[in-house]
Amino acid sequence: MSDNVKDIPIVSIDMRGFSLLRNVPEQRASLGYLDDVLFRVFKQFTGYQDPRRVFVWQSTGDGYFIAMNASSTPVAMRFAVDLESALKGHNKQQPDF
């Protein structure tokens, strides 16, 4: 491997129970919420920059695949922990969501 090759941290998010959602509006609401949380958590890492321009994220249908090409592995880990914390907070407030 060449010395000038940079490792790119990748975060994969999968929504537990997504296939149990009964209709398209429920699925869209869940994915919309996840997208909003992702944007807010990413914003903590990008400051004034648009997170969609800094990070590459791709929907997997019931989650996301995120290539954090502008970040180090420790930053990607911090992002994953912050995202999990934000989602847990939401789930405590709205357990039926």
PDB file of N, CA and C in Angstrom:
ATOM      1  N   MET A   1       0.840  -1.173   0.000  1.00  0.00           N
ATOM      2  CA  MET A   1       0.000   0.000   0.000  1.00  0.00           C
ATOM      3  C   MET A   1       0.885   1.237   0.000  1.00  0.00           C
ATOM      4  N   SER A   2       0.530   2.209  -0.752  1.00  0.00           N
ATOM      5  CA  SER A   2       1.282   3.445  -0.873  1.00  0.00           C
ATOM      6  C   SER A   2       1.162   4.273   0.397  1.00  0.00           C
ATOM      7  N   ASP A   3       2.228   5.031   0.717  1.00  0.00           N
ATOM      8  CA  ASP A   3       2.218   5.872   1.909  1.00  0.00           C
ATOM      9  C   ASP A   3       1.259   7.050   1.794  1.00  0.00           C
ATOM     10  N   ASN A   4       0.870   7.430   0.588  1.00  0.00           N
ATOM     11  CA  ASN A   4      -0.007   8.593   0.436  1.00  0.00           C
ATOM     12  C   ASN A   4      -1.498   8.223   0.410  1.00  0.00           C
ATOM     13  N   VAL A   5      -1.816   6.978   0.678  1.00  0.00           N
ATOM     14  CA  VAL A   5      -3.209   6.542   0.734  1.00  0.00           C
ATOM     15  C   VAL A   5      -3.741   6.846   2.133  1.00  0.00           C
ATOM     16  N   LYS A   6      -4.890   7.508   2.186  1.00  0.00           N
ATOM     17  CA  LYS A   6      -5.484   7.895   3.457  1.00  0.00           C
ATOM     18  C   LYS A   6      -6.632   6.946   3.800  1.00  0.00           C
ATOM     19  N   ASP A   7      -6.657   6.508   5.060  1.00  0.00           N
ATOM     20  CA  ASP A   7      -7.788   5.715   5.521  1.00  0.00           C
ATOM     21  C   ASP A   7      -9.015   6.606   5.608  1.00  0.00           C
ATOM     22  N   ILE A   8     -10.166   6.068   5.237  1.00  0.00           N
ATOM     23  CA  ILE A   8     -11.424   6.806   5.309  1.00  0.00           C
ATOM     24  C   ILE A   8     -12.343   6.070   6.275  1.00  0.00           C
ATOM     25  N   PRO A   9     -12.651   6.722   7.414  1.00  0.00           N
ATOM     26  CA  PRO A   9     -13.588   6.087   8.346  1.00  0.00           C
ATOM     27  C   PRO A   9     -14.979   5.983   7.720  1.00  0.00           C
ATOM     28  N   ILE A  10     -15.642   4.883   7.970  1.00  0.00           N
ATOM     29  CA  ILE A  10     -16.988   4.663   7.438  1.00  0.00           C
ATOM     30  C   ILE A  10     -17.916   4.321   8.604  1.00  0.00           C
ATOM     31  N   VAL A  11     -19.047   4.999   8.652  1.00  0.00           N
ATOM     32  CA  VAL A  11     -20.059   4.739   9.669  1.00  0.00           C
ATOM     33  C   VAL A  11     -21.277   4.170   8.953  1.00  0.00           C
ATOM     34  N   SER A  12     -21.783   3.061   9.465  1.00  0.00           N
ATOM     35  CA  SER A  12     -22.973   2.442   8.898  1.00  0.00           C
ATOM     36  C   SER A  12     -24.076   2.483   9.942  1.00  0.00           C
ATOM     37  N   ILE A  13     -25.255   2.936   9.527  1.00  0.00           N
ATOM     38  CA  ILE A  13     -26.389   3.062  10.432  1.00  0.00           C
ATOM     39  C   ILE A  13     -27.530   2.219   9.876  1.00  0.00           C
ATOM     40  N   ASP A  14     -28.090   1.391  10.730  1.00  0.00           N
ATOM     41  CA  ASP A  14     -29.213   0.557  10.334  1.00  0.00           C
ATOM     42  C   ASP A  14     -30.333   0.772  11.346  1.00  0.00           C
ATOM     43  N   MET A  15     -31.535   0.992  10.858  1.00  0.00           N
ATOM     44  CA  MET A  15     -32.677   1.257  11.719  1.00  0.00           C
ATOM     45  C   MET A  15     -33.319  -0.061  12.152  1.00  0.00           C
ATOM     46  N   ARG A  16     -33.235  -0.359  13.438  1.00  0.00           N
ATOM     47  CA  ARG A  16     -33.828  -1.577  13.980  1.00  0.00           C
ATOM     48  C   ARG A  16     -35.352  -1.493  13.879  1.00  0.00           C
ATOM     49  N   GLY A  17     -35.969  -2.557  13.410  1.00  0.00           N
ATOM     50  CA  GLY A  17     -37.419  -2.630  13.354  1.00  0.00           C
ATOM     51  C   GLY A  17     -38.056  -1.925  12.174  1.00  0.00           C
ATOM     52  N   PHE A  18     -37.257  -1.421  11.251  1.00  0.00           N
ATOM     53  CA  PHE A  18     -37.811  -0.677  10.119  1.00  0.00           C
ATOM     54  C   PHE A  18     -38.789  -1.529   9.313  1.00  0.00           C
ATOM     55  N   SER A  19     -38.465  -2.783   9.132  1.00  0.00           N
ATOM     56  CA  SER A  19     -39.335  -3.654   8.322  1.00  0.00           C
ATOM     57  C   SER A  19     -40.673  -3.935   9.010  1.00  0.00           C
ATOM     58  N   LEU A  20     -40.758  -3.641  10.308  1.00  0.00           N
ATOM     59  CA  LEU A  20     -42.013  -3.843  11.030  1.00  0.00           C
ATOM     60  C   LEU A  20     -42.981  -2.677  10.856  1.00  0.00           C
ATOM     61  N   LEU A  21     -42.485  -1.553  10.338  1.00  0.00           N
ATOM     62  CA  LEU A  21     -43.372  -0.415  10.108  1.00  0.00           C
ATOM     63  C   LEU A  21     -44.394  -0.818   9.059  1.00  0.00           C
ATOM     64  N   ARG A  22     -45.633  -0.500   9.307  1.00  0.00           N
ATOM     65  CA  ARG A  22     -46.728  -1.044   8.509  1.00  0.00           C
ATOM     66  C   ARG A  22     -47.028  -0.308   7.212  1.00  0.00           C
ATOM     67  N   ASN A  23     -46.647   0.962   7.139  1.00  0.00           N
ATOM     68  CA  ASN A  23     -47.007   1.680   5.913  1.00  0.00           C
ATOM     69  C   ASN A  23     -45.930   2.683   5.528  1.00  0.00           C
ATOM     70  N   VAL A  24     -46.031   3.158   4.316  1.00  0.00           N
ATOM     71  CA  VAL A  24     -45.033   4.068   3.760  1.00  0.00           C
ATOM     72  C   VAL A  24     -44.943   5.376   4.546  1.00  0.00           C
ATOM     73  N   PRO A  25     -46.062   5.996   4.973  1.00  0.00           N
ATOM     74  CA  PRO A  25     -45.933   7.226   5.760  1.00  0.00           C
ATOM     75  C   PRO A  25     -45.121   7.038   7.052  1.00  0.00           C
ATOM     76  N   GLU A  26     -45.295   5.898   7.743  1.00  0.00           N
ATOM     77  CA  GLU A  26     -44.502   5.619   8.941  1.00  0.00           C
ATOM     78  C   GLU A  26     -43.019   5.481   8.588  1.00  0.00           C
ATOM     79  N   GLN A  27     -42.744   4.798   7.496  1.00  0.00           N
ATOM     80  CA  GLN A  27     -41.362   4.623   7.066  1.00  0.00           C
ATOM     81  C   GLN A  27     -40.726   5.964   6.707  1.00  0.00           C
ATOM     82  N   ARG A  28     -41.453   6.777   5.963  1.00  0.00           N
ATOM     83  CA  ARG A  28     -40.931   8.096   5.586  1.00  0.00           C
ATOM     84  C   ARG A  28     -40.692   8.969   6.804  1.00  0.00           C
ATOM     85  N   ALA A  29     -41.613   8.939   7.771  1.00  0.00           N
ATOM     86  CA  ALA A  29     -41.449   9.730   8.993  1.00  0.00           C
ATOM     87  C   ALA A  29     -40.196   9.298   9.753  1.00  0.00           C
ATOM     88  N   SER A  30     -39.976   7.990   9.858  1.00  0.00           N
ATOM     89  CA  SER A  30     -38.798   7.477  10.562  1.00  0.00           C
ATOM     90  C   SER A  30     -37.510   7.869   9.851  1.00  0.00           C
ATOM     91  N   LEU A  31     -37.487   7.708   8.539  1.00  0.00           N
ATOM     92  CA  LEU A  31     -36.287   8.079   7.777  1.00  0.00           C
ATOM     93  C   LEU A  31     -36.062   9.583   7.800  1.00  0.00           C
ATOM     94  N   GLY A  32     -37.131  10.351   7.756  1.00  0.00           N
ATOM     95  CA  GLY A  32     -37.004  11.810   7.833  1.00  0.00           C
ATOM     96  C   GLY A  32     -36.425  12.244   9.158  1.00  0.00           C
ATOM     97  N   TYR A  33     -36.878  11.615  10.232  1.00  0.00           N
ATOM     98  CA  TYR A  33     -36.330  11.937  11.545  1.00  0.00           C
ATOM     99  C   TYR A  33     -34.847  11.588  11.601  1.00  0.00           C
ATOM    100  N   LEU A  34     -34.477  10.400  11.130  1.00  0.00           N
ATOM    101  CA  LEU A  34     -33.079   9.987  11.144  1.00  0.00           C
ATOM    102  C   LEU A  34     -32.229  10.967  10.342  1.00  0.00           C
ATOM    103  N   ASP A  35     -32.707  11.397   9.205  1.00  0.00           N
ATOM    104  CA  ASP A  35     -31.978  12.360   8.389  1.00  0.00           C
ATOM    105  C   ASP A  35     -31.786  13.685   9.140  1.00  0.00           C
ATOM    106  N   ASP A  36     -32.817  14.146   9.839  1.00  0.00           N
ATOM    107  CA  ASP A  36     -32.709  15.386  10.619  1.00  0.00           C
ATOM    108  C   ASP A  36     -31.682  15.260  11.741  1.00  0.00           C
ATOM    109  N   VAL A  37     -31.711  14.134  12.442  1.00  0.00           N
ATOM    110  CA  VAL A  37     -30.751  13.921  13.528  1.00  0.00           C
ATOM    111  C   VAL A  37     -29.336  13.855  12.967  1.00  0.00           C
ATOM    112  N   LEU A  38     -29.161  13.139  11.873  1.00  0.00           N
ATOM    113  CA  LEU A  38     -27.839  13.072  11.236  1.00  0.00           C
ATOM    114  C   LEU A  38     -27.327  14.473  10.910  1.00  0.00           C
ATOM    115  N   PHE A  39     -28.178  15.285  10.320  1.00  0.00           N
ATOM    116  CA  PHE A  39     -27.772  16.633   9.940  1.00  0.00           C
ATOM    117  C   PHE A  39     -27.353  17.436  11.171  1.00  0.00           C
ATOM    118  N   ARG A  40     -28.151  17.367  12.247  1.00  0.00           N
ATOM    119  CA  ARG A  40     -27.831  18.130  13.462  1.00  0.00           C
ATOM    120  C   ARG A  40     -26.522  17.669  14.090  1.00  0.00           C
ATOM    121  N   VAL A  41     -26.307  16.364  14.163  1.00  0.00           N
ATOM    122  CA  VAL A  41     -25.077  15.850  14.763  1.00  0.00           C
ATOM    123  C   VAL A  41     -23.883  16.183  13.868  1.00  0.00           C
ATOM    124  N   PHE A  42     -24.037  16.028  12.552  1.00  0.00           N
ATOM    125  CA  PHE A  42     -22.958  16.404  11.633  1.00  0.00           C
ATOM    126  C   PHE A  42     -22.611  17.876  11.773  1.00  0.00           C
ATOM    127  N   LYS A  43     -23.609  18.705  12.001  1.00  0.00           N
ATOM    128  CA  LYS A  43     -23.395  20.148  12.099  1.00  0.00           C
ATOM    129  C   LYS A  43     -22.426  20.471  13.233  1.00  0.00           C
ATOM    130  N   GLN A  44     -22.431  19.678  14.294  1.00  0.00           N
ATOM    131  CA  GLN A  44     -21.488  19.871  15.396  1.00  0.00           C
ATOM    132  C   GLN A  44     -20.043  19.686  14.934  1.00  0.00           C
ATOM    133  N   PHE A  45     -19.857  18.907  13.899  1.00  0.00           N
ATOM    134  CA  PHE A  45     -18.515  18.597  13.419  1.00  0.00           C
ATOM    135  C   PHE A  45     -18.071  19.489  12.265  1.00  0.00           C
ATOM    136  N   THR A  46     -19.001  20.182  11.647  1.00  0.00           N
ATOM    137  CA  THR A  46     -18.643  20.981  10.474  1.00  0.00           C
ATOM    138  C   THR A  46     -18.746  22.486  10.703  1.00  0.00           C
ATOM    139  N   GLY A  47     -19.296  22.903  11.829  1.00  0.00           N
ATOM    140  CA  GLY A  47     -19.429  24.331  12.099  1.00  0.00           C
ATOM    141  C   GLY A  47     -20.374  24.984  11.102  1.00  0.00           C
ATOM    142  N   TYR A  48     -19.862  25.938  10.369  1.00  0.00           N
ATOM    143  CA  TYR A  48     -20.700  26.688   9.422  1.00  0.00           C
ATOM    144  C   TYR A  48     -20.810  26.023   8.056  1.00  0.00           C
ATOM    145  N   GLN A  49     -20.038  24.981   7.833  1.00  0.00           N
ATOM    146  CA  GLN A  49     -20.092  24.307   6.539  1.00  0.00           C
ATOM    147  C   GLN A  49     -21.323  23.402   6.460  1.00  0.00           C
ATOM    148  N   ASP A  50     -21.812  23.208   5.270  1.00  0.00           N
ATOM    149  CA  ASP A  50     -22.942  22.316   5.041  1.00  0.00           C
ATOM    150  C   ASP A  50     -22.457  20.870   5.166  1.00  0.00           C
ATOM    151  N   PRO A  51     -22.991  20.115   6.130  1.00  0.00           N
ATOM    152  CA  PRO A  51     -22.534  18.727   6.306  1.00  0.00           C
ATOM    153  C   PRO A  51     -22.666  17.884   5.041  1.00  0.00           C
ATOM    154  N   ARG A  52     -23.651  18.192   4.199  1.00  0.00           N
ATOM    155  CA  ARG A  52     -23.831  17.395   2.985  1.00  0.00           C
ATOM    156  C   ARG A  52     -22.710  17.623   1.971  1.00  0.00           C
ATOM    157  N   ARG A  53     -21.968  18.703   2.150  1.00  0.00           N
ATOM    158  CA  ARG A  53     -20.822  18.957   1.263  1.00  0.00           C
ATOM    159  C   ARG A  53     -19.523  18.416   1.840  1.00  0.00           C
ATOM    160  N   VAL A  54     -19.486  18.223   3.165  1.00  0.00           N
ATOM    161  CA  VAL A  54     -18.269  17.748   3.825  1.00  0.00           C
ATOM    162  C   VAL A  54     -18.219  16.226   3.867  1.00  0.00           C
ATOM    163  N   PHE A  55     -19.360  15.606   4.148  1.00  0.00           N
ATOM    164  CA  PHE A  55     -19.428  14.152   4.278  1.00  0.00           C
ATOM    165  C   PHE A  55     -20.242  13.564   3.132  1.00  0.00           C
ATOM    166  N   VAL A  56     -19.929  12.326   2.801  1.00  0.00           N
ATOM    167  CA  VAL A  56     -20.669  11.616   1.764  1.00  0.00           C
ATOM    168  C   VAL A  56     -21.552  10.602   2.470  1.00  0.00           C
ATOM    169  N   TRP A  57     -22.881  10.760   2.339  1.00  0.00           N
ATOM    170  CA  TRP A  57     -23.780   9.784   2.939  1.00  0.00           C
ATOM    171  C   TRP A  57     -24.747   9.272   1.905  1.00  0.00           C
ATOM    172  N   GLN A  58     -25.027   8.003   2.012  1.00  0.00           N
ATOM    173  CA  GLN A  58     -25.876   7.326   1.045  1.00  0.00           C
ATOM    174  C   GLN A  58     -26.920   6.517   1.798  1.00  0.00           C
ATOM    175  N   SER A  59     -28.170   6.671   1.420  1.00  0.00           N
ATOM    176  CA  SER A  59     -29.240   5.900   2.050  1.00  0.00           C
ATOM    177  C   SER A  59     -29.113   4.437   1.652  1.00  0.00           C
ATOM    178  N   THR A  60     -29.414   3.570   2.605  1.00  0.00           N
ATOM    179  CA  THR A  60     -29.441   2.129   2.335  1.00  0.00           C
ATOM    180  C   THR A  60     -30.869   1.602   2.348  1.00  0.00           C
ATOM    181  N   GLY A  61     -31.826   2.504   2.422  1.00  0.00           N
ATOM    182  CA  GLY A  61     -33.227   2.112   2.490  1.00  0.00           C
ATOM    183  C   GLY A  61     -33.750   2.209   3.905  1.00  0.00           C
ATOM    184  N   ASP A  62     -33.053   1.578   4.845  1.00  0.00           N
ATOM    185  CA  ASP A  62     -33.453   1.663   6.252  1.00  0.00           C
ATOM    186  C   ASP A  62     -32.300   2.153   7.127  1.00  0.00           C
ATOM    187  N   GLY A  63     -31.427   2.943   6.534  1.00  0.00           N
ATOM    188  CA  GLY A  63     -30.293   3.480   7.269  1.00  0.00           C
ATOM    189  C   GLY A  63     -29.390   4.284   6.344  1.00  0.00           C
ATOM    190  N   TYR A  64     -28.149   4.421   6.762  1.00  0.00           N
ATOM    191  CA  TYR A  64     -27.192   5.203   5.974  1.00  0.00           C
ATOM    192  C   TYR A  64     -25.819   4.570   6.011  1.00  0.00           C
ATOM    193  N   PHE A  65     -25.078   4.843   4.978  1.00  0.00           N
ATOM    194  CA  PHE A  65     -23.676   4.485   4.828  1.00  0.00           C
ATOM    195  C   PHE A  65     -22.960   5.823   4.699  1.00  0.00           C
ATOM    196  N   ILE A  66     -22.051   6.129   5.625  1.00  0.00           N
ATOM    197  CA  ILE A  66     -21.423   7.449   5.649  1.00  0.00           C
ATOM    198  C   ILE A  66     -19.917   7.306   5.530  1.00  0.00           C
ATOM    199  N   ALA A  67     -19.356   7.868   4.461  1.00  0.00           N
ATOM    200  CA  ALA A  67     -17.905   7.934   4.289  1.00  0.00           C
ATOM    201  C   ALA A  67     -17.454   9.275   4.841  1.00  0.00           C
ATOM    202  N   MET A  68     -16.726   9.240   5.942  1.00  0.00           N
ATOM    203  CA  MET A  68     -16.296  10.470   6.607  1.00  0.00           C
ATOM    204  C   MET A  68     -14.900  10.831   6.122  1.00  0.00           C
ATOM    205  N   ASN A  69     -14.818  11.119   4.836  1.00  0.00           N
ATOM    206  CA  ASN A  69     -13.531  11.333   4.184  1.00  0.00           C
ATOM    207  C   ASN A  69     -12.796  12.579   4.643  1.00  0.00           C
ATOM    208  N   ALA A  70     -13.456  13.476   5.359  1.00  0.00           N
ATOM    209  CA  ALA A  70     -12.802  14.682   5.855  1.00  0.00           C
ATOM    210  C   ALA A  70     -12.432  14.529   7.327  1.00  0.00           C
ATOM    211  N   SER A  71     -12.496  13.314   7.854  1.00  0.00           N
ATOM    212  CA  SER A  71     -12.299  13.111   9.286  1.00  0.00           C
ATOM    213  C   SER A  71     -11.304  12.002   9.581  1.00  0.00           C
ATOM    214  N   SER A  72     -10.809  12.046  10.805  1.00  0.00           N
ATOM    215  CA  SER A  72      -9.960  10.965  11.294  1.00  0.00           C
ATOM    216  C   SER A  72     -10.844   9.904  11.943  1.00  0.00           C
ATOM    217  N   THR A  73     -10.272   8.765  12.248  1.00  0.00           N
ATOM    218  CA  THR A  73     -11.027   7.713  12.900  1.00  0.00           C
ATOM    219  C   THR A  73     -11.560   8.149  14.265  1.00  0.00           C
ATOM    220  N   PRO A  74     -10.767   8.849  15.108  1.00  0.00           N
ATOM    221  CA  PRO A  74     -11.328   9.303  16.385  1.00  0.00           C
ATOM    222  C   PRO A  74     -12.515  10.261  16.219  1.00  0.00           C
ATOM    223  N   VAL A  75     -12.492  11.105  15.212  1.00  0.00           N
ATOM    224  CA  VAL A  75     -13.616  12.012  14.967  1.00  0.00           C
ATOM    225  C   VAL A  75     -14.837  11.210  14.532  1.00  0.00           C
ATOM    226  N   ALA A  76     -14.643  10.211  13.692  1.00  0.00           N
ATOM    227  CA  ALA A  76     -15.757   9.354  13.267  1.00  0.00           C
ATOM    228  C   ALA A  76     -16.346   8.611  14.459  1.00  0.00           C
ATOM    229  N   MET A  77     -15.502   8.158  15.367  1.00  0.00           N
ATOM    230  CA  MET A  77     -15.986   7.483  16.567  1.00  0.00           C
ATOM    231  C   MET A  77     -16.798   8.446  17.434  1.00  0.00           C
ATOM    232  N   ARG A  78     -16.320   9.674  17.573  1.00  0.00           N
ATOM    233  CA  ARG A  78     -17.042  10.679  18.367  1.00  0.00           C
ATOM    234  C   ARG A  78     -18.399  10.958  17.732  1.00  0.00           C
ATOM    235  N   PHE A  79     -18.424  11.028  16.401  1.00  0.00           N
ATOM    236  CA  PHE A  79     -19.682  11.232  15.694  1.00  0.00           C
ATOM    237  C   PHE A  79     -20.650  10.096  15.996  1.00  0.00           C
ATOM    238  N   ALA A  80     -20.182   8.860  15.920  1.00  0.00           N
ATOM    239  CA  ALA A  80     -21.048   7.700  16.155  1.00  0.00           C
ATOM    240  C   ALA A  80     -21.608   7.721  17.578  1.00  0.00           C
ATOM    241  N   VAL A  81     -20.782   8.078  18.547  1.00  0.00           N
ATOM    242  CA  VAL A  81     -21.235   8.141  19.940  1.00  0.00           C
ATOM    243  C   VAL A  81     -22.263   9.261  20.108  1.00  0.00           C
ATOM    244  N   ASP A  82     -22.006  10.433  19.518  1.00  0.00           N
ATOM    245  CA  ASP A  82     -22.946  11.553  19.612  1.00  0.00           C
ATOM    246  C   ASP A  82     -24.267  11.234  18.926  1.00  0.00           C
ATOM    247  N   LEU A  83     -24.206  10.566  17.798  1.00  0.00           N
ATOM    248  CA  LEU A  83     -25.416  10.183  17.081  1.00  0.00           C
ATOM    249  C   LEU A  83     -26.231   9.186  17.906  1.00  0.00           C
ATOM    250  N   GLU A  84     -25.573   8.192  18.447  1.00  0.00           N
ATOM    251  CA  GLU A  84     -26.273   7.214  19.275  1.00  0.00           C
ATOM    252  C   GLU A  84     -26.928   7.893  20.475  1.00  0.00           C
ATOM    253  N   SER A  85     -26.233   8.813  21.085  1.00  0.00           N
ATOM    254  CA  SER A  85     -26.785   9.540  22.231  1.00  0.00           C
ATOM    255  C   SER A  85     -28.015  10.361  21.835  1.00  0.00           C
ATOM    256  N   ALA A  86     -27.959  11.035  20.698  1.00  0.00           N
ATOM    257  CA  ALA A  86     -29.093  11.827  20.214  1.00  0.00           C
ATOM    258  C   ALA A  86     -30.292  10.941  19.920  1.00  0.00           C
ATOM    259  N   LEU A  87     -30.053   9.796  19.317  1.00  0.00           N
ATOM    260  CA  LEU A  87     -31.153   8.878  19.000  1.00  0.00           C
ATOM    261  C   LEU A  87     -31.748   8.254  20.266  1.00  0.00           C
ATOM    262  N   LYS A  88     -30.906   7.915  21.229  1.00  0.00           N
ATOM    263  CA  LYS A  88     -31.413   7.361  22.483  1.00  0.00           C
ATOM    264  C   LYS A  88     -32.268   8.389  23.215  1.00  0.00           C
ATOM    265  N   GLY A  89     -31.831   9.655  23.203  1.00  0.00           N
ATOM    266  CA  GLY A  89     -32.600  10.712  23.835  1.00  0.00           C
ATOM    267  C   GLY A  89     -33.980  10.846  23.209  1.00  0.00           C
ATOM    268  N   HIS A  90     -34.032  10.797  21.888  1.00  0.00           N
ATOM    269  CA  HIS A  90     -35.313  10.878  21.192  1.00  0.00           C
ATOM    270  C   HIS A  90     -36.188   9.677  21.526  1.00  0.00           C
ATOM    271  N   ASN A  91     -35.608   8.509  21.530  1.00  0.00           N
ATOM    272  CA  ASN A  91     -36.379   7.285  21.780  1.00  0.00           C
ATOM    273  C   ASN A  91     -36.944   7.250  23.200  1.00  0.00           C
ATOM    274  N   LYS A  92     -36.233   7.851  24.161  1.00  0.00           N
ATOM    275  CA  LYS A  92     -36.768   7.920  25.527  1.00  0.00           C
ATOM    276  C   LYS A  92     -37.987   8.832  25.590  1.00  0.00           C
ATOM    277  N   GLN A  93     -37.930   9.933  24.828  1.00  0.00           N
ATOM    278  CA  GLN A  93     -39.023  10.895  24.841  1.00  0.00           C
ATOM    279  C   GLN A  93     -40.239  10.390  24.057  1.00  0.00           C
ATOM    280  N   GLN A  94     -39.985   9.609  23.021  1.00  0.00           N
ATOM    281  CA  GLN A  94     -41.077   9.118  22.166  1.00  0.00           C
ATOM    282  C   GLN A  94     -40.888   7.627  21.931  1.00  0.00           C
ATOM    283  N   PRO A  95     -41.177   6.796  22.940  1.00  0.00           N
ATOM    284  CA  PRO A  95     -40.904   5.355  22.803  1.00  0.00           C
ATOM    285  C   PRO A  95     -41.713   4.660  21.717  1.00  0.00           C
ATOM    286  N   ASP A  96     -42.830   5.251  21.306  1.00  0.00           N
ATOM    287  CA  ASP A  96     -43.645   4.607  20.276  1.00  0.00           C
ATOM    288  C   ASP A  96     -43.248   5.013  18.864  1.00  0.00           C
ATOM    289  N   PHE A  97     -42.261   5.884  18.720  1.00  0.00           N
ATOM    290  CA  PHE A  97     -41.881   6.374  17.398  1.00  0.00           C
ATOM    291  C   PHE A  97     -41.148   5.302  16.659  1.00  0.00           C
TER     292      PHE A  97
END
